[in-house]
Amino acid sequence: MKLGVALLFSLAMHAILVAGGQFELFHIANSPEPMRIKIATQPKEETLDEVSLPPPARAKPKAKSLNKNVQTPAPDLPPFPVTNKPASMDAPPPPSAEEWQLASTYKLKNSKRYRHNWGQLVRSKMGTAVEGLQQGTVRFRIEIAPDGTLANVKELWSTSETASKLALQAIQSLPPLPPTPTGKPLIFERTISFQPYETGWPPSYTLDCLPDPPAYKNPFAWDGKSPQAPAQRQTQKNAATDADGSQEKCVTDSTADTIEQEETEMKRQTEIWRWGR
């Protein structure tokens, strides 16, 4: 009897548990609980009265420098106007009496010394050359009589009216010149430079004893009338030689055959080509 009652009680309890579990599953599947979403509210802004601001920091006083040599930077000043001064060159001195003495006896290369001295004398009377529109060069064709007087002057070309005017004034005011070296009229062309970087270079006289090279002539040219002859090439004459067979040198003064003169001549050539003359 007791076993029967206990068995029934156990079966009843199991039946109740099984039925309750099925009912719970059925309830969840059919009517799930809705999801609830909570929106967080914006926190309350604190007013200026409620927030206590920290007190402003006081600027610390600068410590005085113990080094008295420290200099404060000077204020910026406006730059001074820079004016470019034009270049200038004084006129060269006129030839001395000793130079004219050598020139009056120098017959080589169409009285080379005499022609150079004449050009230097004219340039010395033209004054200072200043950079600008007035600078330039002028070329003349000159004829000097045997007694040294000026026979004829003709201007061939000029790059500056000022240079042409000053050169003509200088030629008109020339003093009496010594006679020509050959005793014949001296005809030559001369370029006068009126520029702030060049006044004329002294020529070299070292190789003046060498004969002039023959002028070019077409050996095949024929006028159509004269009898034709085989073309012959002109040969250049050798320079004069001494008794021992050594070649003669044109040593006319103490600086005619020195390294300094050759250096000056090379510098002159460099300057001429550098300035595009």
Protein backbone atom coordinates (compact mmCIF):
# COMPACT_ATOMS: atom_id res chain seq x y z
CA MET A 1 0.00 0.00 0.00
CA LYS A 2 2.78 2.43 0.88
CA LEU A 3 4.68 1.57 -2.28
CA GLY A 4 1.60 2.24 -4.37
CA VAL A 5 1.02 5.63 -2.79
CA ALA A 6 4.69 6.63 -3.25
CA LEU A 7 4.65 5.47 -6.87
CA LEU A 8 1.53 7.46 -7.62
CA PHE A 9 2.96 10.51 -5.92
CA SER A 10 6.16 10.23 -7.96
CA LEU A 11 4.31 9.82 -11.24
CA ALA A 12 2.12 12.81 -10.45
CA MET A 13 5.12 15.01 -9.77
CA HIS A 14 6.85 13.95 -12.97
CA ALA A 15 3.71 14.60 -14.94
CA ILE A 16 3.41 18.08 -13.43
CA LEU A 17 7.07 18.92 -14.25
CA VAL A 18 6.80 17.64 -17.83
CA ALA A 19 3.59 19.57 -18.41
CA GLY A 20 5.06 22.79 -16.95
CA GLY A 21 8.18 22.60 -19.16
CA GLN A 22 6.17 22.12 -22.34
CA PHE A 23 3.91 25.02 -21.42
CA GLU A 24 6.91 27.31 -20.86
CA LEU A 25 8.46 26.42 -24.22
CA PHE A 26 5.20 26.98 -25.94
CA HIS A 27 4.78 30.32 -24.31
CA ILE A 28 8.25 31.52 -25.36
CA ALA A 29 7.80 30.36 -28.94
CA ASN A 30 4.41 31.92 -29.44
CA SER A 31 4.73 35.18 -27.55
CA PRO A 32 8.35 36.28 -27.13
CA GLU A 33 8.96 39.14 -24.83
CA PRO A 34 9.47 42.44 -26.78
CA MET A 35 12.93 44.01 -26.74
CA ARG A 36 13.16 47.25 -24.89
CA ILE A 37 15.63 49.95 -26.07
CA LYS A 38 16.54 52.67 -23.65
CA ILE A 39 17.87 55.98 -25.05
CA ALA A 40 20.41 57.64 -22.84
CA THR A 41 19.49 61.20 -22.04
CA GLN A 42 21.99 64.07 -22.65
CA PRO A 43 23.86 64.91 -19.48
CA LYS A 44 23.04 68.14 -17.90
CA GLU A 45 25.31 70.97 -18.97
CA GLU A 46 27.09 72.69 -16.21
CA THR A 47 26.74 76.40 -16.09
CA LEU A 48 29.56 78.80 -15.60
CA ASP A 49 28.27 79.55 -12.17
CA GLU A 50 28.42 75.93 -11.14
CA VAL A 51 31.93 75.32 -12.62
CA SER A 52 34.72 76.99 -10.73
CA LEU A 53 37.42 78.22 -13.13
CA PRO A 54 41.04 78.16 -11.94
CA PRO A 55 42.58 81.60 -11.29
CA PRO A 56 44.65 83.04 -14.21
CA ALA A 57 48.37 82.39 -13.96
CA ARG A 58 50.46 85.47 -13.34
CA ALA A 59 53.31 86.25 -15.75
CA LYS A 60 56.65 85.62 -14.17
CA PRO A 61 58.98 88.61 -14.22
CA LYS A 62 61.96 88.20 -16.56
CA ALA A 63 65.24 87.74 -14.85
CA LYS A 64 67.68 90.50 -15.49
CA SER A 65 70.70 89.46 -17.53
CA LEU A 66 73.96 89.79 -15.69
CA ASN A 67 75.94 90.01 -18.96
CA LYS A 68 76.22 93.68 -19.84
CA ASN A 69 77.87 92.98 -23.21
CA VAL A 70 74.69 91.58 -24.73
CA GLN A 71 73.41 94.11 -27.26
CA THR A 72 69.81 94.45 -28.25
CA PRO A 73 69.17 94.13 -31.99
CA ALA A 74 68.95 97.45 -33.78
CA PRO A 75 65.69 98.31 -35.52
CA ASP A 76 65.50 97.67 -39.24
CA LEU A 77 66.42 100.77 -41.21
CA PRO A 78 65.48 101.41 -44.83
CA PRO A 79 68.37 100.58 -47.21
CA PHE A 80 70.34 103.45 -48.63
CA PRO A 81 69.92 104.04 -52.37
CA VAL A 82 72.86 102.58 -54.29
CA THR A 83 74.06 104.68 -57.21
CA ASN A 84 76.22 102.97 -59.83
CA LYS A 85 79.05 105.26 -60.78
CA PRO A 86 80.01 104.89 -64.45
CA ALA A 87 83.49 103.59 -65.19
CA SER A 88 86.09 106.04 -66.45
CA MET A 89 89.70 106.08 -67.56
CA ASP A 90 92.08 109.02 -67.78
CA ALA A 91 93.85 109.85 -70.98
CA PRO A 92 97.36 108.39 -71.34
CA PRO A 93 100.37 110.73 -71.15
CA PRO A 94 101.76 112.03 -74.44
CA PRO A 95 104.92 110.43 -75.86
CA SER A 96 108.12 111.72 -74.32
CA ALA A 97 111.00 113.36 -76.19
CA GLU A 98 113.02 110.12 -76.01
CA GLU A 99 110.17 108.17 -77.60
CA TRP A 100 109.92 110.71 -80.42
CA GLN A 101 113.66 110.47 -80.91
CA LEU A 102 113.42 106.70 -81.43
CA ALA A 103 110.35 107.09 -83.64
CA SER A 104 112.05 109.63 -85.95
CA THR A 105 114.72 107.04 -86.88
CA TYR A 106 112.58 103.87 -86.99
CA LYS A 107 111.95 103.00 -90.66
CA LEU A 108 110.66 99.43 -90.32
CA LYS A 109 107.04 98.47 -90.95
CA ASN A 110 106.05 101.80 -92.45
CA SER A 111 107.54 103.83 -89.57
CA LYS A 112 105.76 101.78 -86.93
CA ARG A 113 106.94 103.81 -83.92
CA TYR A 114 106.04 107.11 -85.52
CA ARG A 115 102.49 105.94 -86.23
CA HIS A 116 102.02 104.66 -82.69
CA ASN A 117 103.31 107.89 -81.13
CA TRP A 118 101.00 109.94 -83.32
CA GLY A 119 97.95 107.96 -82.14
CA GLN A 120 98.97 108.24 -78.47
CA LEU A 121 99.45 111.98 -78.82
CA VAL A 122 95.96 112.42 -80.23
CA ARG A 123 94.39 110.25 -77.53
CA SER A 124 96.19 112.16 -74.75
CA LYS A 125 94.46 115.37 -75.89
CA MET A 126 90.95 113.87 -75.90
CA GLY A 127 90.59 113.77 -72.11
CA THR A 128 88.94 111.24 -69.80
CA ALA A 129 86.72 108.57 -71.31
CA VAL A 130 83.52 107.88 -69.34
CA GLU A 131 81.22 104.91 -69.74
CA GLY A 132 78.06 105.76 -71.61
CA LEU A 133 76.77 106.85 -74.97
CA GLN A 134 79.75 109.12 -75.58
CA GLN A 135 82.31 106.29 -75.59
CA GLY A 136 83.40 104.72 -78.86
CA THR A 137 86.12 104.48 -81.48
CA VAL A 138 86.98 106.45 -84.58
CA ARG A 139 89.29 105.58 -87.48
CA PHE A 140 91.20 108.05 -89.66
CA ARG A 141 93.29 107.92 -92.80
CA ILE A 142 96.31 110.16 -92.19
CA GLU A 143 98.93 111.64 -94.50
CA ILE A 144 101.96 113.35 -92.95
CA ALA A 145 104.38 115.37 -95.06
CA PRO A 146 108.15 114.62 -94.91
CA ASP A 147 108.72 117.65 -92.66
CA GLY A 148 106.17 116.35 -90.08
CA THR A 149 103.26 118.63 -90.95
CA LEU A 150 99.79 117.17 -91.33
CA ALA A 151 98.90 117.03 -95.03
CA ASN A 152 95.53 115.28 -95.06
CA VAL A 153 93.03 113.76 -92.60
CA LYS A 154 89.96 111.72 -93.53
CA GLU A 155 87.55 110.07 -91.14
CA LEU A 156 86.69 106.56 -92.33
CA TRP A 157 84.13 105.56 -89.71
CA SER A 158 83.11 106.28 -86.13
CA THR A 159 80.94 104.70 -83.43
CA SER A 160 80.51 107.84 -81.33
CA GLU A 161 79.92 111.46 -82.27
CA THR A 162 81.67 112.58 -79.11
CA ALA A 163 84.79 110.54 -79.90
CA SER A 164 84.83 111.85 -83.47
CA LYS A 165 84.50 115.47 -82.35
CA LEU A 166 87.18 115.22 -79.66
CA ALA A 167 89.59 113.44 -81.99
CA LEU A 168 89.23 116.09 -84.70
CA GLN A 169 89.79 118.85 -82.15
CA ALA A 170 92.91 117.07 -80.87
CA ILE A 171 94.29 116.65 -84.40
CA GLN A 172 93.80 120.33 -85.15
CA SER A 173 95.72 121.30 -81.98
CA LEU A 174 98.74 119.01 -82.54
CA PRO A 175 102.17 120.61 -82.02
CA PRO A 176 104.87 120.46 -84.71
CA LEU A 177 106.04 116.86 -85.17
CA PRO A 178 109.54 115.63 -86.11
CA PRO A 179 110.22 114.72 -89.75
CA THR A 180 109.21 111.30 -90.98
CA PRO A 181 111.88 108.56 -90.67
CA THR A 182 112.05 107.81 -94.40
CA GLY A 183 112.01 111.42 -95.62
CA LYS A 184 108.88 110.61 -97.63
CA PRO A 185 105.19 111.22 -97.01
CA LEU A 186 103.83 108.86 -94.37
CA ILE A 187 100.36 107.48 -95.18
CA PHE A 188 98.60 105.19 -92.74
CA GLU A 189 95.29 104.42 -91.00
CA ARG A 190 94.80 104.72 -87.28
CA THR A 191 91.94 103.80 -84.92
CA ILE A 192 91.55 106.00 -81.84
CA SER A 193 89.86 104.31 -78.87
CA PHE A 194 87.86 106.58 -76.57
CA GLN A 195 86.64 103.97 -74.06
CA PRO A 196 86.93 103.54 -70.26
CA TYR A 197 88.84 100.24 -70.49
CA GLU A 198 91.38 100.71 -73.29
CA THR A 199 93.51 103.59 -74.56
CA GLY A 200 95.79 101.81 -77.03
CA TRP A 201 98.49 99.22 -76.51
CA PRO A 202 102.16 99.64 -77.41
CA PRO A 203 103.03 97.42 -80.36
CA SER A 204 105.75 94.79 -80.34
CA TYR A 205 108.90 95.54 -82.33
CA THR A 206 110.68 92.19 -81.90
CA LEU A 207 109.87 90.71 -85.33
CA ASP A 208 109.90 93.89 -87.36
CA CYS A 209 113.11 92.85 -89.18
CA LEU A 210 111.28 89.95 -90.82
CA PRO A 211 110.06 90.77 -94.33
CA ASP A 212 106.39 91.25 -94.92
CA PRO A 213 104.59 88.18 -96.27
CA PRO A 214 103.78 88.44 -99.98
CA ALA A 215 100.36 89.73 -100.82
CA TYR A 216 97.98 87.08 -102.08
CA LYS A 217 97.52 86.97 -105.84
CA ASN A 218 95.53 84.40 -107.74
CA PRO A 219 98.11 82.61 -109.94
CA PHE A 220 95.39 81.30 -112.26
CA ALA A 221 93.77 84.67 -113.01
CA TRP A 222 94.00 85.77 -116.69
CA ASP A 223 92.74 88.92 -118.31
CA GLY A 224 92.14 87.19 -121.63
CA LYS A 225 94.68 89.26 -123.54
CA SER A 226 98.15 88.74 -122.17
CA PRO A 227 100.01 85.55 -123.05
CA GLN A 228 99.43 82.72 -120.59
CA ALA A 229 102.37 81.48 -118.54
CA PRO A 230 102.76 78.66 -116.00
CA ALA A 231 101.57 79.62 -112.54
CA GLN A 232 104.44 80.34 -110.19
CA ARG A 233 104.12 80.64 -106.45
CA GLN A 234 105.87 83.54 -104.80
CA THR A 235 108.45 82.59 -102.22
CA GLN A 236 109.01 84.62 -99.07
CA LYS A 237 112.47 86.06 -98.63
CA ASN A 238 114.40 84.99 -95.58
CA ALA A 239 115.39 87.47 -92.93
CA ALA A 240 118.83 88.95 -92.97
CA THR A 241 121.46 86.85 -91.24
CA ASP A 242 124.73 87.74 -89.56
CA ALA A 243 128.16 86.55 -90.63
CA ASP A 244 127.99 83.53 -88.34
CA GLY A 245 124.67 82.47 -89.88
CA SER A 246 122.46 83.50 -86.95
CA GLN A 247 119.24 85.31 -87.74
CA GLU A 248 119.19 89.05 -87.15
CA LYS A 249 117.02 90.32 -84.32
CA CYS A 250 115.39 93.71 -84.14
CA VAL A 251 116.69 94.90 -80.79
CA THR A 252 116.01 98.61 -80.80
CA ASP A 253 115.68 99.25 -77.08
CA SER A 254 116.11 97.51 -73.75
CA THR A 255 112.57 96.05 -73.72
CA ALA A 256 112.38 94.78 -77.29
CA ASP A 257 113.33 91.18 -76.56
CA THR A 258 112.11 90.37 -73.05
CA ILE A 259 109.50 88.11 -71.51
CA GLU A 260 107.64 91.13 -70.14
CA GLN A 261 107.08 92.49 -73.63
CA GLU A 262 105.80 89.17 -74.90
CA GLU A 263 103.47 88.92 -71.91
CA THR A 264 102.17 92.42 -72.62
CA GLU A 265 101.56 91.55 -76.25
CA MET A 266 99.63 88.41 -75.31
CA LYS A 267 97.53 90.39 -72.86
CA ARG A 268 96.82 92.97 -75.55
CA GLN A 269 95.60 90.30 -77.95
CA THR A 270 93.42 88.77 -75.24
CA GLU A 271 91.83 92.09 -74.42
CA ILE A 272 91.12 92.83 -78.07
CA TRP A 273 89.32 89.54 -78.64
CA ARG A 274 87.58 89.64 -75.26
CA TRP A 275 85.94 92.96 -76.01
CA GLY A 276 84.95 91.81 -79.51
CA ARG A 277 86.91 94.33 -81.47
